[in-house]
Amino acid sequence: MSTASKPATAAFAPITGASSGIGAIYADRLAKRIDKTRQDLAKTRAKLANEHFASRAPAAVVTAEREREAELERAVAGLQSQLERVRTLLAS
């Protein structure tokens, strides 16, 4: 199968018309991932805010939880950005 017959920009085509249903499904999935990631972030923050955890856990464990918190914050920001882009495409 030759790739010459396919347009080079096919992967970057806007989400419109019949495919907007797919875009809406993708937006819903992103929203669910954002919610789940936010829940995980809240749990991690609660753990770090717990004085007993912070005082009794080994330093390496506390450090790992802080790194997890930062990773989850980045994930939420990235997913939100992605969702905004999808919604912008769906609105156009």
C-alpha atoms as a PDB file:
ATOM      1  CA  MET A   1       0.000   0.000   0.000  1.00  0.00           C
ATOM      2  CA  SER A   2       1.441   3.311  -1.043  1.00  0.00           C
ATOM      3  CA  THR A   3       1.499   6.233   1.377  1.00  0.00           C
ATOM      4  CA  ALA A   4       1.672   8.635  -1.584  1.00  0.00           C
ATOM      5  CA  SER A   5      -2.114   8.388  -2.052  1.00  0.00           C
ATOM      6  CA  LYS A   6      -2.807   9.663   1.477  1.00  0.00           C
ATOM      7  CA  PRO A   7      -2.755  13.397   2.209  1.00  0.00           C
ATOM      8  CA  ALA A   8       0.168  14.395   4.412  1.00  0.00           C
ATOM      9  CA  THR A   9      -2.100  16.393   6.723  1.00  0.00           C
ATOM     10  CA  ALA A  10      -4.685  13.657   7.304  1.00  0.00           C
ATOM     11  CA  ALA A  11      -3.601  13.201  10.918  1.00  0.00           C
ATOM     12  CA  PHE A  12      -4.095  16.908  11.545  1.00  0.00           C
ATOM     13  CA  ALA A  13      -7.542  17.316  10.037  1.00  0.00           C
ATOM     14  CA  PRO A  14      -9.986  19.242  12.234  1.00  0.00           C
ATOM     15  CA  ILE A  15     -12.654  17.315  14.087  1.00  0.00           C
ATOM     16  CA  THR A  16     -15.868  18.283  12.294  1.00  0.00           C
ATOM     17  CA  GLY A  17     -18.978  16.712  10.812  1.00  0.00           C
ATOM     18  CA  ALA A  18     -19.522  13.019  11.404  1.00  0.00           C
ATOM     19  CA  SER A  19     -16.219  12.637  13.230  1.00  0.00           C
ATOM     20  CA  SER A  20     -17.264  15.213  15.854  1.00  0.00           C
ATOM     21  CA  GLY A  21     -18.957  12.330  17.716  1.00  0.00           C
ATOM     22  CA  ILE A  22     -15.542  10.753  18.080  1.00  0.00           C
ATOM     23  CA  GLY A  23     -14.174  14.093  19.275  1.00  0.00           C
ATOM     24  CA  ALA A  24     -16.939  14.353  21.874  1.00  0.00           C
ATOM     25  CA  ILE A  25     -16.201  10.833  23.097  1.00  0.00           C
ATOM     26  CA  TYR A  26     -12.509  11.706  23.346  1.00  0.00           C
ATOM     27  CA  ALA A  27     -13.363  14.898  25.262  1.00  0.00           C
ATOM     28  CA  ASP A  28     -15.483  12.874  27.695  1.00  0.00           C
ATOM     29  CA  ARG A  29     -12.655  10.409  28.236  1.00  0.00           C
ATOM     30  CA  LEU A  30     -10.213  13.248  28.867  1.00  0.00           C
ATOM     31  CA  ALA A  31     -12.626  14.787  31.379  1.00  0.00           C
ATOM     32  CA  LYS A  32     -12.863  11.449  33.205  1.00  0.00           C
ATOM     33  CA  ARG A  33      -9.054  11.113  33.257  1.00  0.00           C
ATOM     34  CA  ILE A  34      -8.799  14.637  34.659  1.00  0.00           C
ATOM     35  CA  ASP A  35     -11.291  13.782  37.411  1.00  0.00           C
ATOM     36  CA  LYS A  36      -9.442  10.562  38.290  1.00  0.00           C
ATOM     37  CA  THR A  37      -6.080  12.320  38.308  1.00  0.00           C
ATOM     38  CA  ARG A  38      -7.466  15.088  40.510  1.00  0.00           C
ATOM     39  CA  GLN A  39      -8.776  12.464  42.933  1.00  0.00           C
ATOM     40  CA  ASP A  40      -5.345  10.838  43.060  1.00  0.00           C
ATOM     41  CA  LEU A  41      -3.784  14.259  43.602  1.00  0.00           C
ATOM     42  CA  ALA A  42      -6.168  15.004  46.480  1.00  0.00           C
ATOM     43  CA  LYS A  43      -5.301  11.667  48.120  1.00  0.00           C
ATOM     44  CA  THR A  44      -1.595  12.335  47.743  1.00  0.00           C
ATOM     45  CA  ARG A  45      -1.949  15.834  49.191  1.00  0.00           C
ATOM     46  CA  ALA A  46      -3.985  14.490  52.110  1.00  0.00           C
ATOM     47  CA  LYS A  47      -1.284  11.926  52.813  1.00  0.00           C
ATOM     48  CA  LEU A  48       1.419  14.592  52.755  1.00  0.00           C
ATOM     49  CA  ALA A  49      -0.669  16.857  54.999  1.00  0.00           C
ATOM     50  CA  ASN A  50      -1.060  14.057  57.571  1.00  0.00           C
ATOM     51  CA  GLU A  51       1.429  14.793  60.361  1.00  0.00           C
ATOM     52  CA  HIS A  52       1.660  11.115  61.313  1.00  0.00           C
ATOM     53  CA  PHE A  53       2.633  10.132  57.782  1.00  0.00           C
ATOM     54  CA  ALA A  54       5.198  12.895  57.450  1.00  0.00           C
ATOM     55  CA  SER A  55       6.780  12.158  60.831  1.00  0.00           C
ATOM     56  CA  ARG A  56       6.745   8.338  60.699  1.00  0.00           C
ATOM     57  CA  ALA A  57       7.416   7.523  57.061  1.00  0.00           C
ATOM     58  CA  PRO A  58      10.992   7.183  55.848  1.00  0.00           C
ATOM     59  CA  ALA A  59      12.319  10.282  54.116  1.00  0.00           C
ATOM     60  CA  ALA A  60      12.528   8.407  50.817  1.00  0.00           C
ATOM     61  CA  VAL A  61       8.818   7.591  50.965  1.00  0.00           C
ATOM     62  CA  VAL A  62       7.880  11.208  51.734  1.00  0.00           C
ATOM     63  CA  THR A  63      10.109  12.375  48.887  1.00  0.00           C
ATOM     64  CA  ALA A  64       8.476   9.869  46.530  1.00  0.00           C
ATOM     65  CA  GLU A  65       5.027  11.162  47.506  1.00  0.00           C
ATOM     66  CA  ARG A  66       6.114  14.750  46.873  1.00  0.00           C
ATOM     67  CA  GLU A  67       7.404  13.718  43.457  1.00  0.00           C
ATOM     68  CA  ARG A  68       4.111  11.939  42.795  1.00  0.00           C
ATOM     69  CA  GLU A  69       2.252  15.119  43.760  1.00  0.00           C
ATOM     70  CA  ALA A  70       4.294  17.161  41.271  1.00  0.00           C
ATOM     71  CA  GLU A  71       3.794  14.522  38.567  1.00  0.00           C
ATOM     72  CA  LEU A  72       0.034  14.504  39.124  1.00  0.00           C
ATOM     73  CA  GLU A  73      -0.076  18.314  38.992  1.00  0.00           C
ATOM     74  CA  ARG A  74       1.724  18.229  35.634  1.00  0.00           C
ATOM     75  CA  ALA A  75      -0.618  15.510  34.396  1.00  0.00           C
ATOM     76  CA  VAL A  76      -3.729  17.510  35.314  1.00  0.00           C
ATOM     77  CA  ALA A  77      -2.355  20.605  33.586  1.00  0.00           C
ATOM     78  CA  GLY A  78      -1.471  18.642  30.454  1.00  0.00           C
ATOM     79  CA  LEU A  79      -4.820  16.873  30.307  1.00  0.00           C
ATOM     80  CA  GLN A  80      -6.681  20.154  30.789  1.00  0.00           C
ATOM     81  CA  SER A  81      -4.709  21.730  27.964  1.00  0.00           C
ATOM     82  CA  GLN A  82      -5.471  18.771  25.733  1.00  0.00           C
ATOM     83  CA  LEU A  83      -9.189  18.953  26.615  1.00  0.00           C
ATOM     84  CA  GLU A  84      -9.286  22.677  25.824  1.00  0.00           C
ATOM     85  CA  ARG A  85      -7.762  22.015  22.398  1.00  0.00           C
ATOM     86  CA  VAL A  86     -10.297  19.271  21.654  1.00  0.00           C
ATOM     87  CA  ARG A  87     -13.198  21.468  22.746  1.00  0.00           C
ATOM     88  CA  THR A  88     -11.885  24.305  20.586  1.00  0.00           C
ATOM     89  CA  LEU A  89     -11.773  21.981  17.587  1.00  0.00           C
ATOM     90  CA  LEU A  90     -15.271  20.722  18.325  1.00  0.00           C
ATOM     91  CA  ALA A  91     -16.610  24.286  18.574  1.00  0.00           C
ATOM     92  CA  SER A  92     -15.187  25.327  15.208  1.00  0.00           C
END
